Amino acid sequence: HVGWNTRLENGRWVPTFPNARYLFADRELDFWRAQEIKDPASCPWITDSVLPVVAAGRAEVVKSDHCLDDLVRLVPTPGHTIDHFSVHVGSAGQDAFITGDMIHSPLQALYPELGMRTDYDSKLAGQTRRRIFERFCEEPTLMCVAHFGSPSVGRFRRRGDAFSFVSGV
């Protein structure tokens, strides 16, 4: 998510949190910078929510599997965008996985291959969802799902060849 990275102040976009580090995946940033040059109208969120952060010197460009430290690491979850990443926090059964835009609807748990119109690569997005659900469906890892209604924290569980999201801690 890049929305709310910035706020409009005196007619220009500035970082919402001026002292924060904003992490951007290198391939993702390169892709959208090129897209913004070709057709700015196709990606207004880059113009107002990403490039001002870069211009302010607050962007840290990393690989999509970057580790911030022993307890916070990025996990590549491509498909919705070219180099999307999710965030895995914690360890040893006391952890959480923040999905970001990896999943948008509970239907995508039942049908992981169900894509979104806005996906960069719907087939890859479905493969990514299935891989992540397989990895965590039997684990105690809390899944923090950005696009579900509240409560949006729970776990994915196997349901035949599909999965379901069970909310709650």
C-alpha atoms as a PDB file:
ATOM      1  CA  HIS A   1       0.000   0.000   0.000  1.00  0.00           C
ATOM      2  CA  VAL A   2       1.262   3.438  -0.831  1.00  0.00           C
ATOM      3  CA  GLY A   3      -1.832   5.441   0.010  1.00  0.00           C
ATOM      4  CA  TRP A   4      -1.333   7.814   2.925  1.00  0.00           C
ATOM      5  CA  ASN A   5       2.445   7.848   2.421  1.00  0.00           C
ATOM      6  CA  THR A   6       1.999  11.553   1.765  1.00  0.00           C
ATOM      7  CA  ARG A   7      -0.236  14.490   2.566  1.00  0.00           C
ATOM      8  CA  LEU A   8      -0.919  17.660   0.635  1.00  0.00           C
ATOM      9  CA  GLU A   9       0.749  20.613   2.335  1.00  0.00           C
ATOM     10  CA  ASN A  10       0.780  24.097   0.795  1.00  0.00           C
ATOM     11  CA  GLY A  11      -0.039  22.648  -2.617  1.00  0.00           C
ATOM     12  CA  ARG A  12       2.615  19.928  -2.673  1.00  0.00           C
ATOM     13  CA  TRP A  13       2.783  16.317  -1.574  1.00  0.00           C
ATOM     14  CA  VAL A  14       5.083  15.676   1.403  1.00  0.00           C
ATOM     15  CA  PRO A  15       5.758  12.521   3.455  1.00  0.00           C
ATOM     16  CA  THR A  16       3.090  11.946   6.102  1.00  0.00           C
ATOM     17  CA  PHE A  17       5.790  10.833   8.523  1.00  0.00           C
ATOM     18  CA  PRO A  18       8.782  13.050   7.682  1.00  0.00           C
ATOM     19  CA  ASN A  19      11.244  11.128   9.883  1.00  0.00           C
ATOM     20  CA  ALA A  20      10.193   7.622   8.816  1.00  0.00           C
ATOM     21  CA  ARG A  21      12.026   5.318   6.426  1.00  0.00           C
ATOM     22  CA  TYR A  22       9.783   4.180   3.583  1.00  0.00           C
ATOM     23  CA  LEU A  23      10.796   0.837   2.074  1.00  0.00           C
ATOM     24  CA  PHE A  24      10.274   0.324  -1.648  1.00  0.00           C
ATOM     25  CA  ALA A  25      11.228  -2.831  -3.548  1.00  0.00           C
ATOM     26  CA  ASP A  26      13.790  -2.013  -6.231  1.00  0.00           C
ATOM     27  CA  ARG A  27      12.068  -3.774  -9.150  1.00  0.00           C
ATOM     28  CA  GLU A  28       8.711  -2.344  -8.105  1.00  0.00           C
ATOM     29  CA  LEU A  29      10.011   1.212  -7.938  1.00  0.00           C
ATOM     30  CA  ASP A  30      11.843   0.899 -11.274  1.00  0.00           C
ATOM     31  CA  PHE A  31       8.719  -0.478 -12.967  1.00  0.00           C
ATOM     32  CA  TRP A  32       6.421   2.279 -11.705  1.00  0.00           C
ATOM     33  CA  ARG A  33       8.935   5.061 -12.356  1.00  0.00           C
ATOM     34  CA  ALA A  34       9.113   3.939 -15.994  1.00  0.00           C
ATOM     35  CA  GLN A  35       5.313   3.700 -16.160  1.00  0.00           C
ATOM     36  CA  GLU A  36       4.947   7.178 -14.667  1.00  0.00           C
ATOM     37  CA  ILE A  37       7.274   8.620 -17.314  1.00  0.00           C
ATOM     38  CA  LYS A  38       5.324   6.904 -20.131  1.00  0.00           C
ATOM     39  CA  ASP A  39       1.813   7.636 -18.854  1.00  0.00           C
ATOM     40  CA  PRO A  40       1.453   9.563 -15.569  1.00  0.00           C
ATOM     41  CA  ALA A  41      -2.350   9.372 -15.741  1.00  0.00           C
ATOM     42  CA  SER A  42      -2.171   5.565 -15.473  1.00  0.00           C
ATOM     43  CA  CYS A  43      -0.526   5.643 -12.048  1.00  0.00           C
ATOM     44  CA  PRO A  44      -1.461   8.772 -10.068  1.00  0.00           C
ATOM     45  CA  TRP A  45      -0.561   7.025  -6.801  1.00  0.00           C
ATOM     46  CA  ILE A  46       3.079   7.025  -7.897  1.00  0.00           C
ATOM     47  CA  THR A  47       3.006  10.754  -8.605  1.00  0.00           C
ATOM     48  CA  ASP A  48       1.354  11.697  -5.307  1.00  0.00           C
ATOM     49  CA  SER A  49       2.370   8.907  -2.908  1.00  0.00           C
ATOM     50  CA  VAL A  50       5.765   7.524  -3.953  1.00  0.00           C
ATOM     51  CA  LEU A  51       7.836  10.065  -5.880  1.00  0.00           C
ATOM     52  CA  PRO A  52       7.446  12.775  -3.197  1.00  0.00           C
ATOM     53  CA  VAL A  53       8.865  10.346  -0.621  1.00  0.00           C
ATOM     54  CA  VAL A  54      11.813   9.613  -2.915  1.00  0.00           C
ATOM     55  CA  ALA A  55      12.338  13.345  -3.557  1.00  0.00           C
ATOM     56  CA  ALA A  56      12.335  14.004   0.202  1.00  0.00           C
ATOM     57  CA  GLY A  57      15.131  11.464   0.678  1.00  0.00           C
ATOM     58  CA  ARG A  58      12.977   9.215   2.890  1.00  0.00           C
ATOM     59  CA  ALA A  59      12.876   6.185   0.539  1.00  0.00           C
ATOM     60  CA  GLU A  60      15.013   3.142   1.180  1.00  0.00           C
ATOM     61  CA  VAL A  61      15.167   0.938  -1.902  1.00  0.00           C
ATOM     62  CA  VAL A  62      15.531  -2.742  -0.970  1.00  0.00           C
ATOM     63  CA  LYS A  63      15.109  -6.218  -2.417  1.00  0.00           C
ATOM     64  CA  SER A  64      11.666  -7.733  -1.843  1.00  0.00           C
ATOM     65  CA  ASP A  65      13.202 -10.346   0.499  1.00  0.00           C
ATOM     66  CA  HIS A  66      15.002  -7.764   2.660  1.00  0.00           C
ATOM     67  CA  CYS A  67      15.452  -8.444   6.404  1.00  0.00           C
ATOM     68  CA  LEU A  68      15.206  -5.404   8.634  1.00  0.00           C
ATOM     69  CA  ASP A  69      16.443  -7.438  11.605  1.00  0.00           C
ATOM     70  CA  ASP A  70      15.993 -10.917  13.114  1.00  0.00           C
ATOM     71  CA  LEU A  71      12.281 -10.332  13.715  1.00  0.00           C
ATOM     72  CA  VAL A  72      11.111  -8.290  10.720  1.00  0.00           C
ATOM     73  CA  ARG A  73      11.567  -9.479   7.173  1.00  0.00           C
ATOM     74  CA  LEU A  74       9.983  -8.857   3.813  1.00  0.00           C
ATOM     75  CA  VAL A  75       8.542 -11.811   1.921  1.00  0.00           C
ATOM     76  CA  PRO A  76       8.139 -11.618  -1.866  1.00  0.00           C
ATOM     77  CA  THR A  77       4.456 -12.039  -2.787  1.00  0.00           C
ATOM     78  CA  PRO A  78       4.414 -11.013  -6.464  1.00  0.00           C
ATOM     79  CA  GLY A  79       1.420 -10.968  -8.742  1.00  0.00           C
ATOM     80  CA  HIS A  80      -0.793  -8.102  -7.701  1.00  0.00           C
ATOM     81  CA  THR A  81       2.174  -5.922  -8.593  1.00  0.00           C
ATOM     82  CA  ILE A  82       5.453  -6.845 -10.238  1.00  0.00           C
ATOM     83  CA  ASP A  83       7.465  -7.115  -6.998  1.00  0.00           C
ATOM     84  CA  HIS A  84       4.897  -6.918  -4.200  1.00  0.00           C
ATOM     85  CA  PHE A  85       6.066  -7.945  -0.757  1.00  0.00           C
ATOM     86  CA  SER A  86       4.355  -8.830   2.494  1.00  0.00           C
ATOM     87  CA  VAL A  87       5.864  -8.434   5.960  1.00  0.00           C
ATOM     88  CA  HIS A  88       6.622 -11.290   8.379  1.00  0.00           C
ATOM     89  CA  VAL A  89       7.107 -10.143  11.975  1.00  0.00           C
ATOM     90  CA  GLY A  90       8.266 -12.284  14.916  1.00  0.00           C
ATOM     91  CA  SER A  91       9.491 -15.863  15.148  1.00  0.00           C
ATOM     92  CA  ALA A  92       9.001 -19.293  16.697  1.00  0.00           C
ATOM     93  CA  GLY A  93       5.217 -19.412  16.740  1.00  0.00           C
ATOM     94  CA  GLN A  94       4.854 -15.860  18.000  1.00  0.00           C
ATOM     95  CA  ASP A  95       4.626 -14.221  14.633  1.00  0.00           C
ATOM     96  CA  ALA A  96       2.359 -12.377  12.253  1.00  0.00           C
ATOM     97  CA  PHE A  97       2.204 -12.059   8.488  1.00  0.00           C
ATOM     98  CA  ILE A  98       0.918  -8.776   7.047  1.00  0.00           C
ATOM     99  CA  THR A  99      -0.446  -9.593   3.596  1.00  0.00           C
ATOM    100  CA  GLY A 100      -0.740  -6.131   2.053  1.00  0.00           C
ATOM    101  CA  ASP A 101      -2.299  -6.519  -1.405  1.00  0.00           C
ATOM    102  CA  MET A 102      -1.604 -10.248  -1.690  1.00  0.00           C
ATOM    103  CA  ILE A 103      -5.293 -10.998  -1.053  1.00  0.00           C
ATOM    104  CA  HIS A 104      -8.335  -8.748  -1.454  1.00  0.00           C
ATOM    105  CA  SER A 105     -11.323 -10.986  -0.701  1.00  0.00           C
ATOM    106  CA  PRO A 106     -12.166 -14.083   1.366  1.00  0.00           C
ATOM    107  CA  LEU A 107     -13.187 -15.655  -1.961  1.00  0.00           C
ATOM    108  CA  GLN A 108      -9.510 -15.725  -2.877  1.00  0.00           C
ATOM    109  CA  ALA A 109      -8.922 -18.138   0.014  1.00  0.00           C
ATOM    110  CA  LEU A 110     -11.514 -20.536  -1.413  1.00  0.00           C
ATOM    111  CA  TYR A 111     -10.316 -19.857  -4.946  1.00  0.00           C
ATOM    112  CA  PRO A 112      -6.668 -18.733  -4.720  1.00  0.00           C
ATOM    113  CA  GLU A 113      -6.452 -18.448  -8.512  1.00  0.00           C
ATOM    114  CA  LEU A 114      -9.251 -15.859  -8.578  1.00  0.00           C
ATOM    115  CA  GLY A 115      -7.546 -12.703  -9.780  1.00  0.00           C
ATOM    116  CA  MET A 116      -8.236  -9.009  -9.559  1.00  0.00           C
ATOM    117  CA  ARG A 117      -8.769  -6.755 -12.547  1.00  0.00           C
ATOM    118  CA  THR A 118      -5.899  -4.612 -11.279  1.00  0.00           C
ATOM    119  CA  ASP A 119      -3.377  -7.465 -10.916  1.00  0.00           C
ATOM    120  CA  TYR A 120      -0.115  -7.094 -12.792  1.00  0.00           C
ATOM    121  CA  ASP A 121      -0.089 -10.899 -13.299  1.00  0.00           C
ATOM    122  CA  SER A 122      -3.239 -12.676 -12.058  1.00  0.00           C
ATOM    123  CA  LYS A 123      -1.848 -16.164 -12.641  1.00  0.00           C
ATOM    124  CA  LEU A 124       1.257 -15.384 -10.590  1.00  0.00           C
ATOM    125  CA  ALA A 125      -0.891 -13.729  -7.887  1.00  0.00           C
ATOM    126  CA  GLY A 126      -2.919 -16.954  -7.580  1.00  0.00           C
ATOM    127  CA  GLN A 127       0.223 -19.085  -7.371  1.00  0.00           C
ATOM    128  CA  THR A 128       1.584 -16.745  -4.706  1.00  0.00           C
ATOM    129  CA  ARG A 129      -1.608 -16.944  -2.615  1.00  0.00           C
ATOM    130  CA  ARG A 130      -1.631 -20.737  -2.818  1.00  0.00           C
ATOM    131  CA  ARG A 131       2.070 -20.890  -1.816  1.00  0.00           C
ATOM    132  CA  ILE A 132       1.550 -18.582   1.191  1.00  0.00           C
ATOM    133  CA  PHE A 133      -1.645 -20.357   2.315  1.00  0.00           C
ATOM    134  CA  GLU A 134       0.117 -23.747   2.051  1.00  0.00           C
ATOM    135  CA  ARG A 135       3.032 -22.412   4.068  1.00  0.00           C
ATOM    136  CA  PHE A 136       0.958 -20.979   6.917  1.00  0.00           C
ATOM    137  CA  CYS A 137      -2.284 -23.012   7.013  1.00  0.00           C
ATOM    138  CA  GLU A 138      -1.065 -25.368   9.739  1.00  0.00           C
ATOM    139  CA  GLU A 139       1.012 -22.786  11.606  1.00  0.00           C
ATOM    140  CA  PRO A 140      -0.010 -20.572  14.544  1.00  0.00           C
ATOM    141  CA  THR A 141       1.094 -17.483  12.567  1.00  0.00           C
ATOM    142  CA  LEU A 142      -1.450 -14.662  12.757  1.00  0.00           C
ATOM    143  CA  MET A 143      -2.428 -13.436   9.327  1.00  0.00           C
ATOM    144  CA  CYS A 144      -3.157  -9.705   9.163  1.00  0.00           C
ATOM    145  CA  VAL A 145      -5.283  -9.219   6.081  1.00  0.00           C
ATOM    146  CA  ALA A 146      -5.519  -5.633   4.887  1.00  0.00           C
ATOM    147  CA  HIS A 147      -8.664  -5.816   2.751  1.00  0.00           C
ATOM    148  CA  PHE A 148     -11.061  -7.926   4.830  1.00  0.00           C
ATOM    149  CA  GLY A 149     -13.713  -6.474   7.094  1.00  0.00           C
ATOM    150  CA  SER A 150     -13.018  -6.415  10.800  1.00  0.00           C
ATOM    151  CA  PRO A 151     -11.788  -8.552  12.433  1.00  0.00           C
ATOM    152  CA  SER A 152      -9.120  -8.918   9.784  1.00  0.00           C
ATOM    153  CA  VAL A 153      -6.665 -10.883  11.905  1.00  0.00           C
ATOM    154  CA  GLY A 154      -6.872 -14.656  11.949  1.00  0.00           C
ATOM    155  CA  ARG A 155      -5.520 -17.751  10.266  1.00  0.00           C
ATOM    156  CA  PHE A 156      -5.875 -19.526   6.955  1.00  0.00           C
ATOM    157  CA  ARG A 157      -6.982 -23.148   7.266  1.00  0.00           C
ATOM    158  CA  ARG A 158      -7.075 -25.913   4.695  1.00  0.00           C
ATOM    159  CA  ARG A 159     -10.494 -26.665   3.243  1.00  0.00           C
ATOM    160  CA  GLY A 160     -10.096 -29.525   0.759  1.00  0.00           C
ATOM    161  CA  ASP A 161      -8.022 -28.190  -2.111  1.00  0.00           C
ATOM    162  CA  ALA A 162      -8.755 -24.635  -0.991  1.00  0.00           C
ATOM    163  CA  PHE A 163      -8.495 -22.587   2.174  1.00  0.00           C
ATOM    164  CA  SER A 164     -10.654 -20.490   4.445  1.00  0.00           C
ATOM    165  CA  PHE A 165      -9.899 -17.525   6.639  1.00  0.00           C
ATOM    166  CA  VAL A 166     -10.825 -17.995  10.297  1.00  0.00           C
ATOM    167  CA  SER A 167     -10.852 -14.637  12.051  1.00  0.00           C
ATOM    168  CA  GLY A 168      -9.837 -14.154  15.633  1.00  0.00           C
ATOM    169  CA  VAL A 169      -6.755 -14.632  17.711  1.00  0.00           C
END
